Amino acid sequence: MLLRKTAWFWKSGLAAISFVLILSISGCSDAPPEENTVSETVIDVQAIQEESEEDADEIISVCIDLYEKAEEENKLADLETIRSIVNRLGENGYSAVDSRNQINMTEPEKVVEFCEKVDAQEEAEITILEISYLGGFVKYDLHTKGGNVDVVRSYYKYENGNMKREVIGNYQAEYWNYTEEGYLMFSGVWFSEELYVLTLSGAEEHLVCIKCKDFNAQSEGDIERDILALTSFFRLYKDEIKIISINIPTSCEEQMHFIGHKIAGCKNEYRKKELEIKNSEMEWIQKNRLNKEFYIMYFSRDIEEHKKHRLQIEECLRNNNLLVDITKRHKDIVLMKMANKNIKS
């Protein structure tokens, strides 16, 4: 069984909802704690799962003809196809959005009303649909009671004229927050019988860092070789990827630690002053300078396809010295920056 920590960031209203998974998040509440009070609310998740499967048949019947038409025209991943599916679902009363944040959410008022019921600790439920560009959709069934929110997440995949459920998981939201700006954020521990990597998992392998090089320090032959390697990769890799360009604060911790060690053992006052100036320069760089970094995020329908994608990336890019190994902590920083555009670190 897979245990996975997940979080979703959604924005309702006129703007489209954005969907980002991040590995850790914390929040706080202004409400004072109640003394010597313990409350527990039990929600029948099994019943919710059964109802979710029944509702899915109705959802599929609403839009299956659009999938069939798109398959005939080879346009399952076309933006206008996704827009037509989202709009059709909205016309039938569903809150729906696309997975790439390109289309305005339908029925956002229902999402806002549900969030208000959570704050009021009233009982309510809602279904939110996220339409995938891989052919299919993710169905989120949210149920709240007593301030607790239970989530049932189901993924349905369209293939060869049929829409079938491939994976289902459920969890209780450990963190829930609907902000004044209209962002819905919730996270929890998801238990599933299958490993599904359409969205981000806890492993580092879905995100790879591209090595940046200084053109001025390379020969024309080196530059041409790197360009050919990248061109070959993009030509051979047929599935979806996302290229990420992001500014990451420059880290000078190692240099500053070394300089501090030298200062501690320095008896020459002139040399010590030089080291202190150098340390101040490192502090300024770390505080004010950003490094432009590039990443490739790749997606898979199952674990076997995930391994295949990883191997193809390794063969095309690492063998040409175009990949940089990143730690889990570094990946978390990248994901946090993606989800929070205004933070400085």
Protein backbone atom coordinates (compact mmCIF):
# COMPACT_ATOMS: atom_id res chain seq x y z
CA MET A 1 0.00 0.00 0.00
CA LEU A 2 1.22 3.45 -0.87
CA LEU A 3 1.25 6.19 1.75
CA ARG A 4 1.51 9.59 0.18
CA LYS A 5 1.41 13.14 1.56
CA THR A 6 -0.37 15.43 -0.87
CA ALA A 7 -1.65 18.97 -1.05
CA TRP A 8 -3.78 20.83 -3.55
CA PHE A 9 -3.91 24.56 -4.24
CA TRP A 10 -7.05 25.72 -6.05
CA LYS A 11 -8.31 29.19 -6.87
CA SER A 12 -12.00 29.75 -7.47
CA GLY A 13 -13.71 32.72 -9.12
CA LEU A 14 -13.21 34.16 -12.59
CA ALA A 15 -9.64 32.96 -12.79
CA ALA A 16 -8.90 29.32 -13.47
CA ILE A 17 -8.11 26.98 -10.63
CA SER A 18 -4.46 26.04 -10.37
CA PHE A 19 -3.49 22.53 -9.31
CA VAL A 20 -0.12 22.00 -7.69
CA LEU A 21 1.08 19.26 -5.43
CA ILE A 22 3.59 20.07 -2.73
CA LEU A 23 5.19 17.90 -0.12
CA SER A 24 4.82 19.92 3.06
CA ILE A 25 2.70 22.81 4.23
CA SER A 26 1.83 24.37 7.55
CA GLY A 27 -0.90 26.70 8.62
CA CYS A 28 -2.21 28.45 11.68
CA SER A 29 -5.57 29.60 12.99
CA ASP A 30 -6.53 32.76 14.85
CA ALA A 31 -9.20 30.89 16.80
CA PRO A 32 -8.26 30.32 20.47
CA PRO A 33 -8.03 26.68 21.57
CA GLU A 34 -10.81 25.29 23.73
CA GLU A 35 -9.66 23.95 27.05
CA ASN A 36 -10.32 20.36 28.08
CA THR A 37 -12.53 19.73 25.03
CA VAL A 38 -12.13 16.82 22.63
CA SER A 39 -14.49 16.43 19.69
CA GLU A 40 -14.61 13.71 17.06
CA THR A 41 -16.73 13.51 13.94
CA VAL A 42 -17.09 10.23 12.05
CA ILE A 43 -17.83 10.25 8.32
CA ASP A 44 -18.72 7.07 6.43
CA VAL A 45 -15.99 7.17 3.76
CA GLN A 46 -17.01 3.78 2.33
CA ALA A 47 -20.48 5.13 1.60
CA ILE A 48 -18.95 8.20 -0.05
CA GLN A 49 -16.82 5.97 -2.30
CA GLU A 50 -19.87 3.99 -3.41
CA GLU A 51 -21.82 7.16 -4.16
CA SER A 52 -18.79 8.52 -6.03
CA GLU A 53 -18.76 5.52 -8.37
CA GLU A 54 -22.49 5.90 -9.05
CA ASP A 55 -22.15 9.62 -9.82
CA ALA A 56 -19.25 8.92 -12.20
CA ASP A 57 -21.54 7.05 -14.63
CA GLU A 58 -23.70 10.16 -14.96
CA ILE A 59 -20.65 12.38 -15.47
CA ILE A 60 -19.26 10.07 -18.14
CA SER A 61 -22.58 10.03 -20.00
CA VAL A 62 -22.55 13.84 -20.09
CA CYS A 63 -19.24 14.15 -21.94
CA ILE A 64 -18.38 10.76 -23.48
CA ASP A 65 -19.44 11.91 -26.97
CA LEU A 66 -16.89 14.75 -26.81
CA TYR A 67 -14.14 12.25 -25.98
CA GLU A 68 -15.22 9.97 -28.83
CA LYS A 69 -15.20 12.85 -31.31
CA ALA A 70 -11.80 14.06 -30.09
CA GLU A 71 -10.37 10.55 -30.39
CA GLU A 72 -11.56 10.28 -34.00
CA GLU A 73 -9.92 13.63 -34.80
CA ASN A 74 -6.83 12.85 -32.71
CA LYS A 75 -7.47 15.93 -30.54
CA LEU A 76 -7.80 14.49 -27.04
CA ALA A 77 -5.08 16.83 -25.74
CA ASP A 78 -6.27 19.86 -27.72
CA LEU A 79 -7.10 22.94 -25.63
CA GLU A 80 -10.44 23.48 -27.39
CA THR A 81 -11.39 19.86 -26.70
CA ILE A 82 -10.66 20.31 -23.00
CA ARG A 83 -12.56 23.62 -23.01
CA SER A 84 -15.62 21.97 -24.56
CA ILE A 85 -15.57 19.21 -21.93
CA VAL A 86 -15.20 21.69 -19.05
CA ASN A 87 -18.02 23.85 -20.43
CA ARG A 88 -20.31 20.85 -21.03
CA LEU A 89 -19.82 19.74 -17.43
CA GLY A 90 -20.49 23.28 -16.24
CA GLU A 91 -23.72 23.39 -18.24
CA ASN A 92 -24.81 20.28 -16.34
CA GLY A 93 -24.11 21.84 -12.95
CA TYR A 94 -20.60 20.50 -12.21
CA SER A 95 -17.64 22.47 -10.87
CA ALA A 96 -14.93 21.65 -13.40
CA VAL A 97 -11.48 22.92 -14.40
CA ASP A 98 -8.58 21.80 -16.58
CA SER A 99 -5.33 20.43 -15.15
CA ARG A 100 -3.17 23.10 -16.81
CA ASN A 101 -4.96 26.14 -15.44
CA GLN A 102 -5.95 27.41 -18.90
CA ILE A 103 -9.74 27.53 -18.56
CA ASN A 104 -11.97 29.32 -16.07
CA MET A 105 -13.63 27.11 -13.50
CA THR A 106 -17.33 26.38 -13.94
CA GLU A 107 -19.75 26.75 -11.02
CA PRO A 108 -17.16 28.36 -8.68
CA GLU A 109 -19.95 29.61 -6.41
CA LYS A 110 -20.60 26.04 -5.29
CA VAL A 111 -16.97 25.68 -4.19
CA VAL A 112 -17.16 28.94 -2.22
CA GLU A 113 -20.40 27.83 -0.57
CA PHE A 114 -18.82 24.51 0.42
CA CYS A 115 -15.85 26.31 1.99
CA GLU A 116 -18.23 28.47 3.99
CA LYS A 117 -19.97 25.31 5.26
CA VAL A 118 -16.59 23.93 6.37
CA ASP A 119 -15.89 27.11 8.36
CA ALA A 120 -19.36 26.93 9.92
CA GLN A 121 -18.80 23.23 10.77
CA GLU A 122 -21.97 22.32 8.89
CA GLU A 123 -22.46 19.17 6.87
CA ALA A 124 -22.06 19.51 3.09
CA GLU A 125 -20.59 17.79 0.06
CA ILE A 126 -19.36 18.75 -3.39
CA THR A 127 -17.79 17.15 -6.44
CA ILE A 128 -14.97 18.91 -8.29
CA LEU A 129 -13.74 17.61 -11.65
CA GLU A 130 -10.27 18.21 -13.07
CA ILE A 131 -10.01 17.44 -16.78
CA SER A 132 -6.70 15.90 -17.83
CA TYR A 133 -4.88 16.51 -21.09
CA LEU A 134 -3.86 12.85 -21.01
CA GLY A 135 -7.42 11.75 -21.75
CA GLY A 136 -9.73 11.41 -18.77
CA PHE A 137 -10.44 13.27 -15.57
CA VAL A 138 -9.85 13.30 -11.82
CA LYS A 139 -12.97 13.35 -9.62
CA TYR A 140 -12.73 14.85 -6.14
CA ASP A 141 -15.63 14.09 -3.82
CA LEU A 142 -15.41 16.31 -0.75
CA HIS A 143 -17.59 15.76 2.31
CA THR A 144 -17.52 17.94 5.40
CA LYS A 145 -19.06 17.49 8.82
CA GLY A 146 -18.11 19.13 12.09
CA GLY A 147 -15.27 21.01 10.42
CA ASN A 148 -13.59 17.84 9.10
CA VAL A 149 -13.20 17.35 5.35
CA ASP A 150 -12.93 13.88 3.81
CA VAL A 151 -11.66 13.51 0.26
CA VAL A 152 -12.26 10.68 -2.18
CA ARG A 153 -10.04 11.02 -5.27
CA SER A 154 -10.81 8.93 -8.35
CA TYR A 155 -8.98 8.92 -11.67
CA TYR A 156 -10.86 7.95 -14.83
CA LYS A 157 -8.98 7.27 -18.05
CA TYR A 158 -10.42 7.35 -21.57
CA GLU A 159 -9.03 4.78 -24.00
CA ASN A 160 -10.40 3.05 -27.09
CA GLY A 161 -13.91 4.43 -26.67
CA ASN A 162 -14.22 3.56 -22.98
CA MET A 163 -13.90 5.60 -19.81
CA LYS A 164 -12.93 3.50 -16.81
CA ARG A 165 -11.71 4.15 -13.30
CA GLU A 166 -8.06 3.27 -12.83
CA VAL A 167 -7.38 4.27 -9.23
CA ILE A 168 -9.22 5.55 -6.18
CA GLY A 169 -7.91 6.82 -2.84
CA ASN A 170 -9.33 8.57 0.19
CA TYR A 171 -8.04 10.59 3.11
CA GLN A 172 -9.09 13.23 5.61
CA ALA A 173 -7.71 16.71 4.99
CA GLU A 174 -5.19 17.45 7.72
CA TYR A 175 -4.82 21.02 6.50
CA TRP A 176 -7.64 23.09 5.05
CA ASN A 177 -7.65 26.79 4.23
CA TYR A 178 -9.75 29.00 1.98
CA THR A 179 -8.02 32.38 1.74
CA GLU A 180 -9.47 35.85 1.23
CA GLU A 181 -7.84 35.89 -2.22
CA GLY A 182 -9.95 32.90 -3.25
CA TYR A 183 -7.34 30.13 -2.97
CA LEU A 184 -8.39 26.75 -1.61
CA MET A 185 -5.56 24.75 -0.04
CA PHE A 186 -5.89 21.32 1.51
CA SER A 187 -3.59 18.43 2.22
CA GLY A 188 -3.67 14.98 3.77
CA VAL A 189 -2.25 11.47 3.75
CA TRP A 190 -3.58 9.46 0.83
CA PHE A 191 -3.83 5.67 1.02
CA SER A 192 -4.04 3.84 -2.28
CA GLU A 193 -3.63 0.26 -3.42
CA GLU A 194 -1.82 1.39 -6.58
CA LEU A 195 1.07 3.70 -7.31
CA TYR A 196 -0.19 6.40 -9.61
CA VAL A 197 2.18 9.07 -10.87
CA LEU A 198 0.03 11.25 -13.10
CA THR A 199 0.56 13.94 -10.47
CA LEU A 200 3.65 14.34 -8.32
CA SER A 201 4.70 11.60 -5.94
CA GLY A 202 7.13 11.66 -3.04
CA ALA A 203 10.00 10.50 -5.23
CA GLU A 204 12.48 12.87 -6.83
CA GLU A 205 12.41 11.08 -10.18
CA HIS A 206 9.49 12.99 -11.71
CA LEU A 207 11.47 16.24 -11.67
CA VAL A 208 14.90 16.57 -13.28
CA CYS A 209 17.22 19.57 -13.29
CA ILE A 210 18.84 20.68 -16.55
CA LYS A 211 22.47 21.70 -16.25
CA CYS A 212 22.98 25.35 -17.20
CA LYS A 213 26.24 26.17 -18.97
CA ASP A 214 28.13 29.35 -19.79
CA PHE A 215 28.30 29.75 -23.57
CA ASN A 216 31.36 31.96 -23.23
CA ALA A 217 33.24 29.13 -21.50
CA GLN A 218 32.33 26.49 -24.12
CA SER A 219 33.67 25.77 -27.54
CA GLU A 220 31.41 25.87 -30.58
CA GLY A 221 31.64 22.09 -30.76
CA ASP A 222 30.43 21.69 -27.17
CA ILE A 223 27.52 24.06 -27.75
CA GLU A 224 26.48 22.25 -30.93
CA ARG A 225 26.66 18.88 -29.19
CA ASP A 226 24.39 20.06 -26.33
CA ILE A 227 21.89 21.55 -28.78
CA LEU A 228 21.78 18.28 -30.76
CA ALA A 229 21.28 16.27 -27.55
CA LEU A 230 18.33 18.43 -26.46
CA THR A 231 16.86 18.41 -29.97
CA SER A 232 17.11 14.63 -30.06
CA PHE A 233 15.38 14.34 -26.67
CA PHE A 234 12.44 16.57 -27.63
CA ARG A 235 12.07 14.71 -30.92
CA LEU A 236 12.08 11.24 -29.36
CA TYR A 237 10.10 11.96 -26.19
CA LYS A 238 6.45 11.72 -27.23
CA ASP A 239 4.59 12.09 -23.92
CA GLU A 240 3.78 15.21 -21.96
CA ILE A 241 6.43 17.22 -20.14
CA LYS A 242 6.48 20.60 -18.46
CA ILE A 243 9.54 22.83 -18.79
CA ILE A 244 10.01 24.98 -15.69
CA SER A 245 12.16 28.11 -15.50
CA ILE A 246 12.49 29.40 -11.96
CA ASN A 247 14.67 31.74 -9.90
CA ILE A 248 16.24 30.09 -6.85
CA PRO A 249 18.08 32.12 -4.17
CA THR A 250 21.86 31.68 -4.40
CA SER A 251 23.26 29.59 -1.56
CA CYS A 252 26.69 30.56 -0.20
CA GLU A 253 26.47 28.52 3.00
CA GLU A 254 29.50 26.35 2.21
CA GLN A 255 31.69 29.33 1.30
CA MET A 256 30.57 31.27 4.37
CA HIS A 257 31.23 28.27 6.61
CA PHE A 258 34.74 27.92 5.19
CA ILE A 259 35.48 31.66 5.52
CA GLY A 260 34.17 31.63 9.10
CA HIS A 261 36.52 28.77 9.91
CA LYS A 262 39.44 30.71 8.41
CA ILE A 263 38.53 33.86 10.37
CA ALA A 264 38.39 31.92 13.65
CA GLY A 265 41.96 30.69 13.18
CA CYS A 266 43.44 33.86 11.63
CA LYS A 267 45.93 35.87 13.75
CA ASN A 268 46.90 38.34 11.03
CA GLU A 269 44.63 41.37 11.51
CA TYR A 270 45.02 42.54 7.89
CA ARG A 271 44.20 39.10 6.51
CA LYS A 272 41.32 38.76 8.99
CA LYS A 273 39.84 42.04 7.74
CA GLU A 274 40.02 40.77 4.14
CA LEU A 275 38.20 37.58 5.14
CA GLU A 276 35.49 39.54 6.95
CA ILE A 277 34.93 41.67 3.83
CA LYS A 278 34.73 38.50 1.73
CA ASN A 279 32.21 37.03 4.17
CA SER A 280 30.10 40.20 3.92
CA GLU A 281 30.15 39.85 0.12
CA MET A 282 28.91 36.27 0.41
CA GLU A 283 26.10 37.38 2.74
CA TRP A 284 25.04 40.06 0.24
CA ILE A 285 25.07 37.58 -2.65
CA GLN A 286 22.99 35.06 -0.70
CA LYS A 287 20.47 37.76 0.24
CA ASN A 288 20.15 39.52 -3.12
CA ARG A 289 21.18 37.23 -5.98
CA LEU A 290 19.00 34.64 -7.70
CA ASN A 291 20.06 31.78 -9.94
CA LYS A 292 17.97 30.95 -12.99
CA GLU A 293 17.39 27.18 -13.02
CA PHE A 294 15.57 24.96 -15.50
CA TYR A 295 13.67 21.74 -14.79
CA ILE A 296 11.71 19.15 -16.72
CA MET A 297 8.65 17.69 -15.03
CA TYR A 298 7.32 14.53 -16.62
CA PHE A 299 4.09 12.59 -16.13
CA SER A 300 3.13 8.93 -16.42
CA ARG A 301 -0.01 6.85 -16.44
CA ASP A 302 1.43 3.99 -14.38
CA ILE A 303 4.66 2.85 -12.72
CA GLU A 304 5.94 0.94 -15.77
CA GLU A 305 5.53 3.96 -18.00
CA HIS A 306 7.21 6.03 -15.29
CA LYS A 307 10.29 3.78 -15.38
CA LYS A 308 10.35 3.95 -19.18
CA HIS A 309 10.24 7.75 -19.13
CA ARG A 310 13.01 7.93 -16.54
CA LEU A 311 15.25 5.63 -18.58
CA GLN A 312 14.66 7.64 -21.76
CA ILE A 313 15.53 10.90 -20.00
CA GLU A 314 18.69 9.37 -18.53
CA GLU A 315 19.83 8.03 -21.90
CA CYS A 316 19.21 11.28 -23.78
CA LEU A 317 20.31 13.87 -21.23
CA ARG A 318 22.53 12.40 -18.52
CA ASN A 319 24.73 10.61 -21.01
CA ASN A 320 25.36 14.03 -22.58
CA ASN A 321 26.11 15.67 -19.22
CA LEU A 322 22.92 17.76 -19.25
CA LEU A 323 21.39 16.66 -15.93
CA VAL A 324 22.13 17.78 -12.39
CA ASP A 325 21.31 15.56 -9.39
CA ILE A 326 19.01 17.31 -6.91
CA THR A 327 18.18 16.43 -3.32
CA LYS A 328 14.68 16.01 -1.95
CA ARG A 329 15.08 19.28 -0.03
CA HIS A 330 16.02 21.11 -3.23
CA LYS A 331 13.02 19.63 -5.01
CA ASP A 332 10.75 20.77 -2.17
CA ILE A 333 12.09 24.33 -2.57
CA VAL A 334 11.34 24.24 -6.30
CA LEU A 335 7.79 22.99 -5.71
CA MET A 336 7.21 25.59 -3.01
CA LYS A 337 8.38 28.34 -5.39
CA MET A 338 6.04 27.02 -8.08
CA ALA A 339 3.07 27.10 -5.72
CA ASN A 340 3.94 30.45 -4.11
CA LYS A 341 5.17 32.84 -6.80
CA ASN A 342 5.79 35.76 -4.44
CA ILE A 343 8.04 34.16 -1.85
CA LYS A 344 11.73 35.09 -1.94
CA SER A 345 13.13 31.79 -0.67
